[in-house]
Amino acid sequence: MDIPLNRLFLFEHQNTKLEEKASFYASIGLNGYHKRYEGDQKTPIGVYYITDYIAGNKLHERYGPGALTLDYPNTVDRFHRRTGSGIWIHGTEPDFLSRPPKASDGCLTLDNNDFKIISNLVKGSVSVPVIIDHSPRWVSETERLKQKSALWKSFSDWFATEAALNFPNLTSVLTQNNGSVKLDSKQIDAFEIFHNLNVIPELTKTQILKYPGETNTYITEMSLKPEASDSFTIRQFWRYNDLNQWSLINLFDQ
């Protein structure tokens, strides 16, 4: 979501690149952005994930044909003690073509036809990220690859060290259940299988996203798949300093 443009851009993974598929006009909160507490009628800034789809017939008519729910407040929001809930992407009243630029309680509001297009594409997908940015900067492909390469090396080094030691830090994260891990019962079983058998899981997918509103901070989502078992997904936060040195951060340790 590019807030200055009031445009929600939809991208699709194409091999190692993102391809822009469409963009849509979208409204934000009545009082702007940088949500901090419940009822401030502001839209949050950050990286959020679609958690569910709710059909319009289960909602008030002001939501139009339905809603895609987001995971606000996330780990970063809780660290900053931000409150509130119910930040969604949704449609609008049946008689409305669209809303003014600032017209919601904090949600992203779309024209009903546009919402149907987006929801039909993503509501059945797993772990779709939504980046809401108040000052987006579109970087060149050269710069993007440079940043990605540096972070990937740091991430790979961390993964190799963890694997060699049978993932002690990963075990700690799972035990603490501090919000940086996303597991269901099957995924917990999968982790226990590879951990107890000392099997190194395959790294099947990693997604790297710059986190708006935070200094030099990126969120990574890695999918690990033990042999003959279900995969599980873990999210981490990485930050680099002025010397372009990367480090894994735990928001709960700061």
Protein backbone atom coordinates (compact mmCIF):
# COMPACT_ATOMS: atom_id res chain seq x y z
CA MET A 1 0.00 0.00 0.00
CA ASP A 2 1.55 3.27 -1.19
CA ILE A 3 -0.16 5.72 1.17
CA PRO A 4 0.91 8.97 -0.58
CA LEU A 5 -0.58 7.65 -3.83
CA ASN A 6 -3.57 5.96 -2.19
CA ARG A 7 -2.72 2.93 -4.33
CA LEU A 8 -2.67 -0.72 -3.39
CA PHE A 9 -0.24 -2.55 -5.71
CA LEU A 10 -0.60 -6.26 -6.34
CA PHE A 11 2.58 -8.21 -7.14
CA GLU A 12 3.11 -11.82 -8.11
CA HIS A 13 6.26 -13.92 -7.72
CA GLN A 14 7.83 -14.73 -11.07
CA ASN A 15 10.92 -16.88 -10.44
CA THR A 16 13.24 -14.58 -8.45
CA LYS A 17 11.42 -11.34 -9.27
CA LEU A 18 8.16 -9.62 -8.45
CA GLU A 19 5.86 -8.69 -11.31
CA GLU A 20 3.27 -5.96 -10.87
CA LYS A 21 -0.11 -7.39 -11.82
CA ALA A 22 -2.43 -4.48 -10.99
CA SER A 23 -2.98 -1.46 -8.77
CA PHE A 24 -6.12 -0.16 -7.12
CA TYR A 25 -7.30 3.04 -5.46
CA ALA A 26 -7.66 2.48 -1.69
CA SER A 27 -8.71 4.58 1.31
CA ILE A 28 -6.94 4.65 4.70
CA GLY A 29 -7.97 5.76 8.19
CA LEU A 30 -9.90 8.97 8.87
CA ASN A 31 -6.97 10.31 10.91
CA GLY A 32 -4.20 9.17 8.59
CA TYR A 33 -1.54 6.60 9.41
CA HIS A 34 0.90 5.43 12.15
CA LYS A 35 -1.70 3.63 14.24
CA ARG A 36 -0.77 3.61 17.94
CA TYR A 37 -3.83 2.77 19.99
CA GLU A 38 -7.32 1.36 19.70
CA GLY A 39 -9.86 3.79 18.34
CA ASP A 40 -7.41 6.36 16.91
CA GLN A 41 -8.83 5.73 13.40
CA LYS A 42 -5.36 5.46 11.88
CA THR A 43 -3.88 2.90 9.51
CA PRO A 44 -0.80 1.02 10.77
CA ILE A 45 2.59 1.13 9.04
CA GLY A 46 4.41 -2.17 8.64
CA VAL A 47 4.41 -5.65 7.14
CA TYR A 48 1.29 -7.68 7.84
CA TYR A 49 0.01 -11.05 6.72
CA ILE A 50 -3.43 -12.03 5.51
CA THR A 51 -4.87 -14.42 8.08
CA ASP A 52 -8.40 -15.07 6.86
CA TYR A 53 -11.19 -14.24 4.42
CA ILE A 54 -14.65 -13.30 5.69
CA ALA A 55 -17.55 -13.35 3.24
CA GLY A 56 -19.70 -10.24 2.97
CA ASN A 57 -22.87 -12.05 4.06
CA LYS A 58 -21.28 -12.51 7.49
CA LEU A 59 -20.51 -8.79 7.89
CA HIS A 60 -22.23 -5.43 8.03
CA GLU A 61 -22.99 -4.02 4.57
CA ARG A 62 -20.33 -1.31 5.00
CA TYR A 63 -17.72 -4.02 4.32
CA GLY A 64 -19.17 -4.76 0.89
CA PRO A 65 -18.48 -8.23 -0.55
CA GLY A 66 -16.10 -9.23 2.24
CA ALA A 67 -12.85 -8.69 4.10
CA LEU A 68 -9.29 -10.02 4.23
CA THR A 69 -8.12 -9.90 7.84
CA LEU A 70 -4.56 -8.86 8.78
CA ASP A 71 -2.43 -9.84 11.78
CA TYR A 72 -2.32 -6.38 13.40
CA PRO A 73 -0.98 -6.01 16.07
CA ASN A 74 2.08 -8.04 15.08
CA THR A 75 5.39 -8.59 16.90
CA VAL A 76 6.67 -5.08 16.09
CA ASP A 77 3.42 -3.44 17.17
CA ARG A 78 3.38 -5.31 20.48
CA PHE A 79 6.99 -4.31 21.10
CA HIS A 80 5.99 -0.66 20.63
CA ARG A 81 2.90 -1.23 22.81
CA ARG A 82 0.47 -0.41 20.02
CA THR A 83 -3.08 -1.51 20.66
CA GLY A 84 -6.23 -2.16 18.70
CA SER A 85 -7.39 -4.91 16.34
CA GLY A 86 -9.57 -5.58 13.32
CA ILE A 87 -7.35 -4.01 10.65
CA TRP A 88 -8.64 -5.47 7.39
CA ILE A 89 -8.71 -4.99 3.64
CA HIS A 90 -12.36 -4.79 2.62
CA GLY A 91 -14.96 -3.38 0.24
CA THR A 92 -17.44 -0.59 0.82
CA GLU A 93 -21.17 0.13 1.04
CA PRO A 94 -23.28 -1.23 -1.86
CA ASP A 95 -24.19 2.24 -3.17
CA PHE A 96 -20.63 3.61 -2.98
CA LEU A 97 -18.28 3.59 -5.95
CA SER A 98 -15.37 4.31 -3.61
CA ARG A 99 -14.61 6.24 -0.44
CA PRO A 100 -12.57 9.45 0.05
CA PRO A 101 -8.80 9.03 0.62
CA LYS A 102 -9.28 9.05 4.40
CA ALA A 103 -12.53 7.29 5.24
CA SER A 104 -12.07 4.20 7.42
CA ASP A 105 -11.39 3.34 11.04
CA GLY A 106 -7.91 2.23 10.01
CA CYS A 107 -8.58 -0.44 7.39
CA LEU A 108 -7.68 -0.35 3.70
CA THR A 109 -10.96 0.14 1.82
CA LEU A 110 -11.42 -0.68 -1.84
CA ASP A 111 -14.05 -0.37 -4.54
CA ASN A 112 -16.15 -3.54 -4.36
CA ASN A 113 -15.15 -4.83 -7.80
CA ASP A 114 -11.47 -4.24 -6.98
CA PHE A 115 -11.84 -6.08 -3.68
CA LYS A 116 -13.38 -9.06 -5.48
CA ILE A 117 -10.41 -9.19 -7.87
CA ILE A 118 -7.88 -9.18 -5.03
CA SER A 119 -9.77 -11.55 -2.74
CA ASN A 120 -10.29 -14.11 -5.52
CA LEU A 121 -6.54 -14.14 -6.14
CA VAL A 122 -5.21 -14.29 -2.59
CA LYS A 123 -7.85 -15.65 -0.19
CA GLY A 124 -6.79 -19.24 -0.84
CA SER A 125 -3.06 -18.53 -0.67
CA VAL A 126 -0.78 -19.07 2.29
CA SER A 127 1.08 -16.29 4.05
CA VAL A 128 0.43 -13.35 1.71
CA PRO A 129 2.30 -10.25 2.97
CA VAL A 130 0.76 -6.79 2.87
CA ILE A 131 3.27 -3.92 3.09
CA ILE A 132 1.74 -0.63 4.21
CA ASP A 133 4.23 2.20 3.66
CA HIS A 134 3.92 5.95 4.27
CA SER A 135 7.09 6.84 2.32
CA PRO A 136 7.91 4.07 -0.17
CA ARG A 137 11.13 4.24 -2.15
CA TRP A 138 11.35 2.16 -5.29
CA VAL A 139 14.94 0.94 -5.65
CA SER A 140 16.82 -0.20 -8.73
CA GLU A 141 17.28 -3.87 -9.51
CA THR A 142 21.02 -3.48 -8.85
CA GLU A 143 20.44 -2.09 -5.36
CA ARG A 144 17.80 -4.70 -4.60
CA LEU A 145 20.10 -7.56 -5.54
CA LYS A 146 22.98 -6.06 -3.54
CA GLN A 147 20.88 -5.83 -0.36
CA LYS A 148 19.39 -9.26 -0.91
CA SER A 149 22.81 -10.85 -1.47
CA ALA A 150 24.26 -9.36 1.73
CA LEU A 151 21.31 -10.42 3.86
CA TRP A 152 21.12 -13.85 2.28
CA LYS A 153 24.77 -14.53 3.17
CA SER A 154 24.18 -13.55 6.80
CA PHE A 155 21.02 -15.62 6.89
CA SER A 156 22.73 -18.64 5.31
CA ASP A 157 25.63 -18.41 7.77
CA TRP A 158 23.16 -18.33 10.67
CA PHE A 159 21.26 -21.31 9.27
CA ALA A 160 24.44 -23.34 8.78
CA THR A 161 25.59 -22.62 12.34
CA GLU A 162 22.17 -23.54 13.74
CA ALA A 163 22.10 -26.78 11.72
CA ALA A 164 25.56 -27.79 12.92
CA LEU A 165 24.46 -27.35 16.54
CA ASN A 166 21.05 -29.02 16.04
CA PHE A 167 19.20 -25.70 16.11
CA PRO A 168 19.52 -24.71 19.79
CA ASN A 169 18.35 -21.14 19.19
CA LEU A 170 15.46 -22.31 17.04
CA THR A 171 14.42 -24.63 19.85
CA SER A 172 14.50 -21.68 22.24
CA VAL A 173 12.29 -19.62 19.95
CA LEU A 174 9.75 -22.42 19.72
CA THR A 175 9.78 -22.95 23.49
CA GLN A 176 9.31 -19.25 24.26
CA ASN A 177 6.46 -18.90 21.74
CA ASN A 178 7.24 -15.17 21.63
CA GLY A 179 5.45 -14.26 18.44
CA SER A 180 8.35 -14.73 16.02
CA VAL A 181 7.20 -18.22 15.11
CA LYS A 182 4.05 -19.32 13.35
CA LEU A 183 3.24 -22.97 13.96
CA ASP A 184 0.16 -25.15 14.05
CA SER A 185 -0.01 -28.59 15.68
CA LYS A 186 1.14 -30.44 12.53
CA GLN A 187 4.08 -28.08 12.10
CA ILE A 188 5.11 -28.52 15.74
CA ASP A 189 5.07 -32.28 15.18
CA ALA A 190 7.22 -31.78 12.07
CA PHE A 191 9.74 -29.76 14.06
CA GLU A 192 9.87 -32.39 16.79
CA ILE A 193 10.51 -35.12 14.22
CA PHE A 194 13.57 -33.49 12.69
CA HIS A 195 14.84 -32.21 16.05
CA ASN A 196 14.59 -35.55 17.84
CA LEU A 197 16.12 -37.44 14.93
CA ASN A 198 18.82 -34.81 14.42
CA VAL A 199 17.74 -34.35 10.79
CA ILE A 200 18.62 -31.08 9.04
CA PRO A 201 15.49 -29.73 7.33
CA GLU A 202 15.45 -28.50 3.77
CA LEU A 203 15.17 -24.75 3.34
CA THR A 204 12.34 -24.64 0.81
CA LYS A 205 11.49 -20.93 0.64
CA THR A 206 12.67 -17.65 2.07
CA GLN A 207 10.96 -14.30 1.64
CA ILE A 208 12.76 -11.05 2.48
CA LEU A 209 10.86 -7.79 2.97
CA LYS A 210 12.03 -4.38 4.16
CA TYR A 211 9.98 -3.26 7.15
CA PRO A 212 8.63 0.30 6.74
CA GLY A 213 8.73 2.57 9.76
CA GLU A 214 11.73 0.76 11.28
CA THR A 215 15.38 1.71 10.69
CA ASN A 216 17.24 -0.65 8.33
CA THR A 217 15.07 -3.56 9.42
CA TYR A 218 13.97 -6.53 7.32
CA ILE A 219 11.55 -9.34 8.02
CA THR A 220 12.39 -12.78 6.66
CA GLU A 221 10.06 -15.73 6.41
CA MET A 222 11.71 -19.10 6.01
CA SER A 223 10.00 -22.40 5.33
CA LEU A 224 11.74 -25.52 6.64
CA LYS A 225 10.75 -29.01 5.59
CA PRO A 226 12.04 -32.07 7.43
CA GLU A 227 12.16 -35.26 5.38
CA ALA A 228 8.77 -36.96 4.94
CA SER A 229 7.03 -34.39 7.08
CA ASP A 230 5.06 -31.15 6.90
CA SER A 231 6.96 -27.88 6.57
CA PHE A 232 6.84 -25.11 9.12
CA THR A 233 7.41 -21.38 8.79
CA ILE A 234 9.44 -19.07 11.00
CA ARG A 235 9.68 -15.29 10.76
CA GLN A 236 12.76 -13.38 11.84
CA PHE A 237 13.89 -9.75 12.00
CA TRP A 238 17.28 -8.64 10.68
CA ARG A 239 18.92 -5.23 10.82
CA TYR A 240 22.06 -3.74 9.32
CA ASN A 241 24.29 -0.94 10.61
CA ASP A 242 26.17 1.85 8.82
CA LEU A 243 28.92 -0.63 7.89
CA ASN A 244 26.31 -2.84 6.19
CA GLN A 245 26.82 -5.54 8.83
CA TRP A 246 23.74 -7.69 9.40
CA SER A 247 22.53 -9.08 12.70
CA LEU A 248 19.53 -11.11 13.78
CA ILE A 249 17.42 -9.19 16.28
CA ASN A 250 14.86 -10.27 18.83
CA LEU A 251 12.45 -7.44 19.55
CA PHE A 252 11.71 -8.95 22.95
CA ASP A 253 15.36 -8.62 24.05
CA GLN A 254 15.55 -4.84 23.50
